[in-house]
Amino acid sequence: MASEAGQIQDAQDQDAGIQSPQDPAVVHGPARTTVSDAERMAKLEKDMESMPLFMTRLPEEDEGSVAVEALKSLVSDEPPEEMSSTLKDEGNLFFKRGRFREAVSQYTQALRYDHDNKDLEVTLLINRAAANLELQNYGKVLHDCSRALSLRQKTPKALFRAAKACIALEKFDEAFECCRWAMDMEPENKELVRLQAQTEEARRLHEQRVKVREAREREREAAREMLRKAVEIRDRLAFDMSPANRRKDVYPWECGEYQVELDRETGHLLWPVAFQYPESKESDLVQRFDEAASLRDMLAQVLEEPPHWDDRRRPKYTLDNVDTYFLSCPVGGTDRDERLVKVGSSTPLATILDSDKYVIRDGIPSFLVLPRGDPFTAKFIDYHRSLRLAREAAVTKANAAAPAPPV
């Protein structure tokens, strides 16, 4: 029997998850749980939520609980005016704590109850207007104030808050009218007197800002007109725009992210110019390139230090070891129409742009910089030469195949 009892006890211990005393790795006491404190709290809150006394909200559907039904009947049996008043008090508490969204929510729920207490409804509307004023929902403020005044015309608070919303919306005439109307009801109200003064000051500052903005706009338009005339005087300049940059309300030189400027002192155009390095697929942008300066003048600044992608010990891209080119393409042409043209680095920018071979694309003149006598440069030039020869051969073949015109 003793052996049977021992066997039964061992089996019970195993069922309970406890190791047998004969096991050398025995651990006395209950098995450790892996449930965290957060998980235990979540389970406790879930269990409490199922208990009617601790519910934070009533279930919408009947779950067969007598206690739940009793709570529902208590809620539904409370007079609508009392429910509305209770929600108003909750909204006021949220407002005092600076929780304006929650306050608006409570006032809104309170307004859904149907009762005959118009004073309570007016209070809820002007309170919700106060919360929305803090949230900068000025349209909603004006709506609630208008509703409050339709219920009770002598409501200075509604006019006060409507005036504040009008000031924020820069409707100064309406704000002043609200102040005047409210002061007719409460002529000694100091807050209304201060608000009326604030309305006048806000109007004055607004008019001052408008004048400054209009003056700046006139100045911008005058500068734009001067630039237009300066560009059009240089009547040999040619422009082309990619489809994405074509707009009817801008000039061709205004379509890029960076734009040409007019130096009023010298009368020179200051262009944004891109230097591209095909070998490294890198580029530099000079934002204000004086048209009287040469490419060499600008490269002296750009290549003053070896580029970060060049060999620092034996740099190839130095001022005396590079040549400059541009891709000539007619207006409306495509990549297949491009021709590589070499240009002397000592040539002024204005002279290059004035050439009938140069087209300014998307408002930014662009040049290629290649190391002199370099294998990459030789391949690059050969590639563009082969493209040019292929185009010329295709044109010659097409002309030969065309029928002769009638005599």
Protein backbone atom coordinates (compact mmCIF):
# COMPACT_ATOMS: atom_id res chain seq x y z
CA MET A 1 0.00 0.00 0.00
CA ALA A 2 2.85 2.29 0.81
CA SER A 3 4.23 1.81 -2.66
CA GLU A 4 0.80 2.45 -4.19
CA ALA A 5 0.44 5.65 -2.17
CA GLY A 6 3.85 6.74 -3.29
CA GLN A 7 2.96 6.07 -6.91
CA ILE A 8 -0.33 7.95 -6.62
CA GLN A 9 1.36 10.95 -4.95
CA ASP A 10 4.03 11.01 -7.66
CA ALA A 11 1.37 11.00 -10.33
CA GLN A 12 -0.47 13.86 -8.61
CA ASP A 13 2.76 15.82 -8.35
CA GLN A 14 3.38 15.33 -12.06
CA ASP A 15 -0.15 16.40 -12.90
CA ALA A 16 0.34 19.55 -10.87
CA GLY A 17 3.55 20.41 -12.67
CA ILE A 18 5.75 19.66 -9.58
CA GLN A 19 8.79 17.44 -9.89
CA SER A 20 9.17 14.35 -7.80
CA PRO A 21 11.42 14.49 -4.68
CA GLN A 22 13.48 11.75 -6.28
CA ASP A 23 14.25 14.06 -9.19
CA PRO A 24 17.70 15.60 -8.60
CA ALA A 25 16.52 18.81 -10.34
CA VAL A 26 13.58 19.23 -7.99
CA VAL A 27 12.29 22.77 -7.35
CA HIS A 28 10.14 23.06 -4.24
CA GLY A 29 7.08 25.35 -4.22
CA PRO A 30 4.64 26.35 -6.98
CA ALA A 31 5.74 26.74 -10.61
CA ARG A 32 6.67 30.34 -11.61
CA THR A 33 4.22 32.25 -13.81
CA THR A 34 5.31 34.06 -16.99
CA VAL A 35 2.37 36.52 -16.98
CA SER A 36 3.54 40.15 -16.70
CA ASP A 37 2.02 42.77 -14.42
CA ALA A 38 0.62 44.63 -17.44
CA GLU A 39 -1.14 41.48 -18.66
CA ARG A 40 -2.61 40.86 -15.19
CA MET A 41 -3.91 44.44 -15.03
CA ALA A 42 -5.43 44.17 -18.52
CA LYS A 43 -7.24 40.98 -17.50
CA LEU A 44 -8.47 42.59 -14.29
CA GLU A 45 -9.82 45.63 -16.17
CA LYS A 46 -11.55 43.37 -18.68
CA ASP A 47 -13.15 41.35 -15.89
CA MET A 48 -14.31 44.55 -14.13
CA GLU A 49 -15.77 45.89 -17.37
CA SER A 50 -18.04 42.86 -17.50
CA MET A 51 -19.39 43.67 -14.00
CA PRO A 52 -22.33 46.11 -14.22
CA LEU A 53 -21.21 48.10 -11.18
CA PHE A 54 -17.81 48.92 -12.71
CA MET A 55 -18.86 49.41 -16.35
CA THR A 56 -17.62 52.60 -17.99
CA ARG A 57 -20.23 52.27 -20.77
CA LEU A 58 -23.49 50.38 -21.20
CA PRO A 59 -23.65 47.62 -23.80
CA GLU A 60 -25.83 48.50 -26.75
CA GLU A 61 -27.38 45.08 -27.12
CA ASP A 62 -29.18 42.97 -24.52
CA GLU A 63 -26.72 40.47 -23.09
CA GLY A 64 -29.30 38.86 -20.76
CA SER A 65 -27.91 40.44 -17.57
CA VAL A 66 -30.51 41.63 -15.03
CA ALA A 67 -28.00 44.02 -13.46
CA VAL A 68 -27.19 45.57 -16.82
CA GLU A 69 -30.87 46.06 -17.59
CA ALA A 70 -31.32 47.74 -14.21
CA LEU A 71 -28.52 50.20 -14.97
CA LYS A 72 -30.03 50.91 -18.39
CA SER A 73 -33.37 51.67 -16.83
CA LEU A 74 -31.74 54.09 -14.38
CA VAL A 75 -30.15 55.99 -17.26
CA SER A 76 -33.25 56.09 -19.40
CA ASP A 77 -35.50 57.04 -16.47
CA GLU A 78 -33.46 60.16 -15.55
CA PRO A 79 -35.18 63.31 -16.87
CA PRO A 80 -33.60 64.69 -20.06
CA GLU A 81 -33.04 68.10 -18.47
CA GLU A 82 -31.10 66.53 -15.59
CA MET A 83 -28.99 64.46 -17.97
CA SER A 84 -28.26 67.56 -20.01
CA SER A 85 -27.33 69.51 -16.87
CA THR A 86 -25.06 66.71 -15.66
CA LEU A 87 -23.23 66.59 -19.00
CA LYS A 88 -22.90 70.38 -18.91
CA ASP A 89 -21.19 70.17 -15.51
CA GLU A 90 -18.83 67.52 -16.86
CA GLY A 91 -18.04 69.74 -19.83
CA ASN A 92 -17.32 72.66 -17.51
CA LEU A 93 -14.91 70.50 -15.55
CA PHE A 94 -13.08 69.49 -18.74
CA PHE A 95 -12.93 73.14 -19.79
CA LYS A 96 -11.37 74.23 -16.49
CA ARG A 97 -8.71 71.54 -16.94
CA GLY A 98 -7.89 72.75 -20.46
CA ARG A 99 -9.32 69.64 -22.12
CA PHE A 100 -11.35 71.55 -24.68
CA ARG A 101 -12.10 68.69 -27.08
CA GLU A 102 -13.63 66.63 -24.28
CA ALA A 103 -15.58 69.70 -23.17
CA VAL A 104 -17.00 70.15 -26.68
CA SER A 105 -17.97 66.46 -26.70
CA GLN A 106 -19.86 66.74 -23.40
CA TYR A 107 -21.68 69.92 -24.42
CA THR A 108 -22.64 68.32 -27.73
CA GLN A 109 -24.07 65.26 -25.99
CA ALA A 110 -25.99 67.50 -23.59
CA LEU A 111 -27.56 69.41 -26.50
CA ARG A 112 -29.00 66.18 -27.89
CA TYR A 113 -31.48 65.87 -25.02
CA ASP A 114 -34.90 67.32 -25.74
CA HIS A 115 -36.35 69.54 -22.98
CA ASP A 116 -38.00 72.94 -22.55
CA ASN A 117 -35.23 74.68 -20.61
CA LYS A 118 -34.09 77.28 -23.16
CA ASP A 119 -31.73 78.92 -20.66
CA LEU A 120 -29.86 75.63 -20.29
CA GLU A 121 -29.67 75.24 -24.06
CA VAL A 122 -28.30 78.78 -24.42
CA THR A 123 -25.70 78.11 -21.73
CA LEU A 124 -24.59 74.92 -23.48
CA LEU A 125 -24.26 76.73 -26.81
CA ILE A 126 -22.17 79.60 -25.46
CA ASN A 127 -20.06 77.17 -23.42
CA ARG A 128 -19.39 75.06 -26.50
CA ALA A 129 -18.54 78.27 -28.36
CA ALA A 130 -15.98 79.08 -25.64
CA ALA A 131 -14.35 75.64 -26.02
CA ASN A 132 -14.30 75.89 -29.81
CA LEU A 133 -12.80 79.36 -29.51
CA GLU A 134 -9.85 77.79 -27.67
CA LEU A 135 -9.61 75.16 -30.42
CA GLN A 136 -9.66 77.90 -33.11
CA ASN A 137 -12.81 76.43 -34.66
CA TYR A 138 -14.08 79.93 -35.43
CA GLY A 139 -16.82 78.91 -37.85
CA LYS A 140 -18.36 76.66 -35.19
CA VAL A 141 -18.11 79.48 -32.64
CA LEU A 142 -20.14 81.78 -34.88
CA HIS A 143 -22.70 79.04 -35.54
CA ASP A 144 -23.30 78.36 -31.82
CA CYS A 145 -23.41 82.06 -30.94
CA SER A 146 -25.97 82.65 -33.69
CA ARG A 147 -28.12 79.80 -32.35
CA ALA A 148 -27.85 81.15 -28.81
CA LEU A 149 -28.94 84.64 -29.93
CA SER A 150 -31.88 83.20 -31.85
CA LEU A 151 -33.07 81.60 -28.59
CA ARG A 152 -32.34 84.61 -26.39
CA GLN A 153 -31.39 87.90 -28.00
CA LYS A 154 -29.98 89.45 -24.83
CA THR A 155 -26.95 87.17 -24.50
CA PRO A 156 -23.82 89.35 -24.17
CA LYS A 157 -21.55 86.33 -23.79
CA ALA A 158 -22.61 85.04 -27.20
CA LEU A 159 -21.82 88.41 -28.73
CA PHE A 160 -18.50 88.58 -26.87
CA ARG A 161 -17.37 85.20 -28.21
CA ALA A 162 -18.69 85.91 -31.68
CA ALA A 163 -16.65 89.14 -31.71
CA LYS A 164 -13.50 87.23 -30.77
CA ALA A 165 -14.09 84.74 -33.57
CA CYS A 166 -14.67 87.58 -36.05
CA ILE A 167 -11.39 89.23 -35.03
CA ALA A 168 -9.55 85.95 -35.64
CA LEU A 169 -11.23 85.69 -39.06
CA GLU A 170 -10.32 89.34 -39.80
CA LYS A 171 -14.00 90.30 -40.02
CA PHE A 172 -13.50 93.54 -38.13
CA ASP A 173 -16.75 95.28 -39.08
CA GLU A 174 -18.75 92.32 -37.77
CA ALA A 175 -16.60 92.13 -34.63
CA PHE A 176 -17.15 95.83 -33.92
CA GLU A 177 -20.91 95.42 -34.45
CA CYS A 178 -21.00 92.52 -31.96
CA CYS A 179 -19.16 94.65 -29.40
CA ARG A 180 -21.52 97.60 -29.93
CA TRP A 181 -24.60 95.37 -29.59
CA ALA A 182 -23.27 93.75 -26.40
CA MET A 183 -22.33 97.11 -24.87
CA ASP A 184 -25.90 98.32 -25.42
CA MET A 185 -26.90 95.54 -23.01
CA GLU A 186 -23.99 95.95 -20.58
CA PRO A 187 -22.48 99.42 -21.03
CA GLU A 188 -20.33 99.09 -17.89
CA ASN A 189 -18.79 95.75 -18.86
CA LYS A 190 -15.04 96.40 -18.84
CA GLU A 191 -14.24 93.25 -20.81
CA LEU A 192 -16.45 94.45 -23.65
CA VAL A 193 -14.77 97.86 -23.58
CA ARG A 194 -11.35 96.19 -23.82
CA LEU A 195 -12.54 93.89 -26.62
CA GLN A 196 -13.81 96.86 -28.61
CA ALA A 197 -10.40 98.53 -28.26
CA GLN A 198 -8.72 95.26 -29.29
CA THR A 199 -10.96 95.13 -32.36
CA GLU A 200 -9.86 98.59 -33.44
CA GLU A 201 -6.19 97.75 -32.86
CA ALA A 202 -6.51 94.45 -34.74
CA ARG A 203 -8.13 96.31 -37.65
CA ARG A 204 -5.32 98.89 -37.70
CA LEU A 205 -2.59 96.22 -37.67
CA HIS A 206 -4.40 94.25 -40.37
CA GLU A 207 -4.65 97.28 -42.63
CA GLN A 208 -0.97 97.98 -42.03
CA ARG A 209 -0.05 94.40 -43.01
CA VAL A 210 -2.20 94.65 -46.12
CA LYS A 211 -0.44 97.85 -47.18
CA VAL A 212 3.00 96.28 -46.66
CA ARG A 213 1.95 93.16 -48.58
CA GLU A 214 0.56 95.21 -51.46
CA ALA A 215 3.70 97.35 -51.60
CA ARG A 216 5.87 94.22 -51.76
CA GLU A 217 3.66 92.80 -54.48
CA ARG A 218 3.97 95.99 -56.52
CA GLU A 219 7.73 95.89 -56.05
CA ARG A 220 7.87 92.26 -57.19
CA GLU A 221 5.79 93.04 -60.26
CA ALA A 222 8.01 96.01 -61.10
CA ALA A 223 11.14 93.88 -60.76
CA ARG A 224 9.54 91.15 -62.88
CA GLU A 225 8.70 93.68 -65.60
CA MET A 226 12.25 95.08 -65.58
CA LEU A 227 13.64 91.55 -65.89
CA ARG A 228 11.28 90.79 -68.77
CA LYS A 229 12.49 93.82 -70.65
CA ALA A 230 16.13 92.96 -69.94
CA VAL A 231 15.68 89.43 -71.29
CA GLU A 232 13.72 90.49 -74.35
CA ILE A 233 16.36 93.07 -75.25
CA ARG A 234 18.71 90.11 -75.64
CA ASP A 235 16.59 88.94 -78.53
CA ARG A 236 18.92 86.11 -79.59
CA LEU A 237 18.29 84.13 -76.40
CA ALA A 238 16.43 80.87 -77.07
CA PHE A 239 14.39 78.99 -74.46
CA ASP A 240 12.82 75.57 -74.26
CA MET A 241 10.79 74.00 -71.46
CA SER A 242 10.06 70.41 -70.58
CA PRO A 243 6.31 69.56 -70.61
CA ALA A 244 6.18 69.46 -66.81
CA ASN A 245 7.37 73.08 -66.59
CA ARG A 246 5.16 74.59 -69.29
CA ARG A 247 2.73 77.07 -67.77
CA LYS A 248 0.86 79.97 -69.30
CA ASP A 249 1.36 82.26 -66.31
CA VAL A 250 5.18 82.20 -66.28
CA TYR A 251 7.90 83.29 -68.65
CA PRO A 252 10.34 80.62 -69.93
CA TRP A 253 13.10 81.91 -67.65
CA GLU A 254 10.81 81.59 -64.61
CA CYS A 255 9.97 77.91 -64.91
CA GLY A 256 12.91 76.44 -62.96
CA GLU A 257 13.54 76.11 -59.26
CA TYR A 258 16.29 78.72 -59.60
CA GLN A 259 15.66 81.82 -61.69
CA VAL A 260 17.65 84.50 -63.48
CA GLU A 261 17.95 87.86 -61.73
CA LEU A 262 18.68 91.38 -62.90
CA ASP A 263 21.51 93.30 -61.27
CA ARG A 264 20.05 96.82 -61.24
CA GLU A 265 23.43 98.46 -60.70
CA THR A 266 25.21 96.89 -63.67
CA GLY A 267 22.22 95.90 -65.81
CA HIS A 268 23.73 92.40 -66.09
CA LEU A 269 21.71 89.21 -65.92
CA LEU A 270 22.70 86.79 -63.16
CA TRP A 271 21.95 83.24 -64.30
CA PRO A 272 21.71 79.98 -62.37
CA VAL A 273 24.27 77.78 -64.18
CA ALA A 274 24.84 74.04 -63.81
CA PHE A 275 28.23 72.40 -64.30
CA GLN A 276 27.86 68.67 -64.95
CA TYR A 277 30.57 66.02 -64.71
CA PRO A 278 29.46 63.02 -66.84
CA GLU A 279 32.27 60.74 -65.62
CA SER A 280 31.21 60.91 -61.96
CA LYS A 281 27.53 61.76 -62.60
CA GLU A 282 27.95 64.72 -60.25
CA SER A 283 27.08 68.39 -60.72
CA ASP A 284 27.57 71.87 -59.27
CA LEU A 285 25.15 74.80 -59.39
CA VAL A 286 26.21 78.43 -59.43
CA GLN A 287 23.07 80.33 -58.45
CA ARG A 288 24.13 83.85 -59.59
CA PHE A 289 26.49 83.61 -62.58
CA ASP A 290 27.14 87.10 -63.99
CA GLU A 291 26.69 86.97 -67.76
CA ALA A 292 29.80 89.12 -68.18
CA ALA A 293 31.97 86.47 -66.47
CA SER A 294 33.56 83.56 -68.34
CA LEU A 295 33.20 79.87 -67.63
CA ARG A 296 36.79 79.89 -66.43
CA ASP A 297 35.97 82.60 -63.87
CA MET A 298 33.29 80.40 -62.34
CA LEU A 299 35.27 77.17 -62.60
CA ALA A 300 38.11 78.85 -60.74
CA GLN A 301 35.75 79.05 -57.76
CA VAL A 302 34.03 75.70 -58.24
CA LEU A 303 37.30 73.76 -58.69
CA GLU A 304 39.34 75.75 -56.21
CA GLU A 305 39.54 72.53 -54.16
CA PRO A 306 39.48 69.05 -55.75
CA PRO A 307 35.92 67.67 -55.77
CA HIS A 308 35.19 65.08 -53.11
CA TRP A 309 34.69 62.42 -55.81
CA ASP A 310 38.04 63.16 -57.52
CA ASP A 311 41.43 61.66 -56.64
CA ARG A 312 42.73 63.94 -53.90
CA ARG A 313 46.37 63.04 -54.46
CA ARG A 314 46.27 63.20 -58.28
CA PRO A 315 43.15 65.19 -59.18
CA LYS A 316 42.01 65.27 -62.79
CA TYR A 317 39.47 68.04 -62.38
CA THR A 318 41.61 71.14 -62.05
CA LEU A 319 41.14 74.50 -63.72
CA ASP A 320 43.99 73.93 -66.23
CA ASN A 321 43.09 70.33 -66.97
CA VAL A 322 39.41 70.52 -68.01
CA ASP A 323 37.51 71.49 -71.13
CA THR A 324 33.92 72.72 -71.30
CA TYR A 325 31.15 71.63 -73.68
CA PHE A 326 27.40 71.95 -74.08
CA LEU A 327 24.78 69.82 -75.78
CA SER A 328 23.20 71.75 -78.64
CA CYS A 329 19.60 70.82 -79.34
CA PRO A 330 16.96 72.79 -81.27
CA VAL A 331 13.82 74.04 -79.56
CA GLY A 332 11.37 71.16 -79.33
CA GLY A 333 14.10 68.60 -80.05
CA THR A 334 14.81 65.39 -78.18
CA ASP A 335 17.92 63.63 -76.91
CA ARG A 336 18.42 62.16 -80.39
CA ASP A 337 18.87 65.67 -81.78
CA GLU A 338 21.67 66.67 -79.38
CA ARG A 339 25.13 67.60 -80.64
CA LEU A 340 28.21 67.98 -78.47
CA VAL A 341 29.78 71.43 -78.89
CA LYS A 342 33.07 72.48 -77.34
CA VAL A 343 33.31 76.01 -76.01
CA GLY A 344 36.33 77.99 -74.90
CA SER A 345 36.35 78.41 -71.15
CA SER A 346 37.46 82.04 -71.48
CA THR A 347 34.29 82.92 -73.45
CA PRO A 348 31.84 85.15 -71.54
CA LEU A 349 28.58 83.51 -70.64
CA ALA A 350 26.57 86.16 -72.50
CA THR A 351 28.39 85.33 -75.74
CA ILE A 352 27.66 81.60 -75.38
CA LEU A 353 23.96 82.14 -74.63
CA ASP A 354 23.74 84.50 -77.60
CA SER A 355 24.90 81.74 -79.96
CA ASP A 356 22.31 80.28 -82.32
CA LYS A 357 23.47 76.83 -81.19
CA TYR A 358 22.58 77.35 -77.53
CA VAL A 359 19.09 76.80 -76.11
CA ILE A 360 18.40 77.50 -72.42
CA ARG A 361 16.40 74.58 -71.07
CA ASP A 362 14.03 75.05 -68.13
CA GLY A 363 15.61 78.40 -67.32
CA ILE A 364 19.04 77.04 -66.34
CA PRO A 365 22.05 77.11 -68.70
CA SER A 366 24.08 73.91 -68.39
CA PHE A 367 27.65 72.92 -69.33
CA LEU A 368 29.65 69.68 -69.34
CA VAL A 369 33.10 69.56 -67.75
CA LEU A 370 35.49 66.84 -68.97
CA PRO A 371 39.13 66.15 -68.05
CA ARG A 372 41.50 66.94 -70.90
CA GLY A 373 43.27 63.97 -72.57
CA ASP A 374 41.42 61.41 -70.43
CA PRO A 375 40.22 58.02 -71.81
CA PHE A 376 36.71 58.70 -70.56
CA THR A 377 36.63 62.01 -72.42
CA ALA A 378 37.78 60.33 -75.65
CA LYS A 379 35.02 57.69 -75.38
CA PHE A 380 32.43 60.35 -74.55
CA ILE A 381 33.36 62.45 -77.59
CA ASP A 382 33.48 59.39 -79.88
CA TYR A 383 30.02 58.34 -78.71
CA HIS A 384 28.46 61.69 -79.57
CA ARG A 385 30.38 61.82 -82.86
CA SER A 386 28.99 58.42 -83.84
CA LEU A 387 25.47 59.60 -83.03
CA ARG A 388 25.94 62.68 -85.18
CA LEU A 389 27.29 60.66 -88.11
CA ALA A 390 24.43 58.17 -87.83
CA ARG A 391 21.89 61.01 -87.93
CA GLU A 392 23.57 62.60 -90.94
CA ALA A 393 23.64 59.25 -92.76
CA ALA A 394 19.95 58.71 -92.05
CA VAL A 395 19.10 62.16 -93.39
CA THR A 396 21.18 61.60 -96.55
CA LYS A 397 19.47 58.24 -97.15
CA ALA A 398 16.03 59.73 -96.64
CA ASN A 399 16.77 62.57 -99.05
CA ALA A 400 18.04 60.15 -101.71
CA ALA A 401 14.92 58.02 -101.45
CA ALA A 402 12.56 60.97 -101.72
CA PRO A 403 10.97 61.46 -105.19
CA ALA A 404 12.29 64.37 -107.23
CA PRO A 405 9.98 67.40 -107.26
CA PRO A 406 8.10 68.05 -110.54
CA VAL A 407 9.80 70.42 -112.97
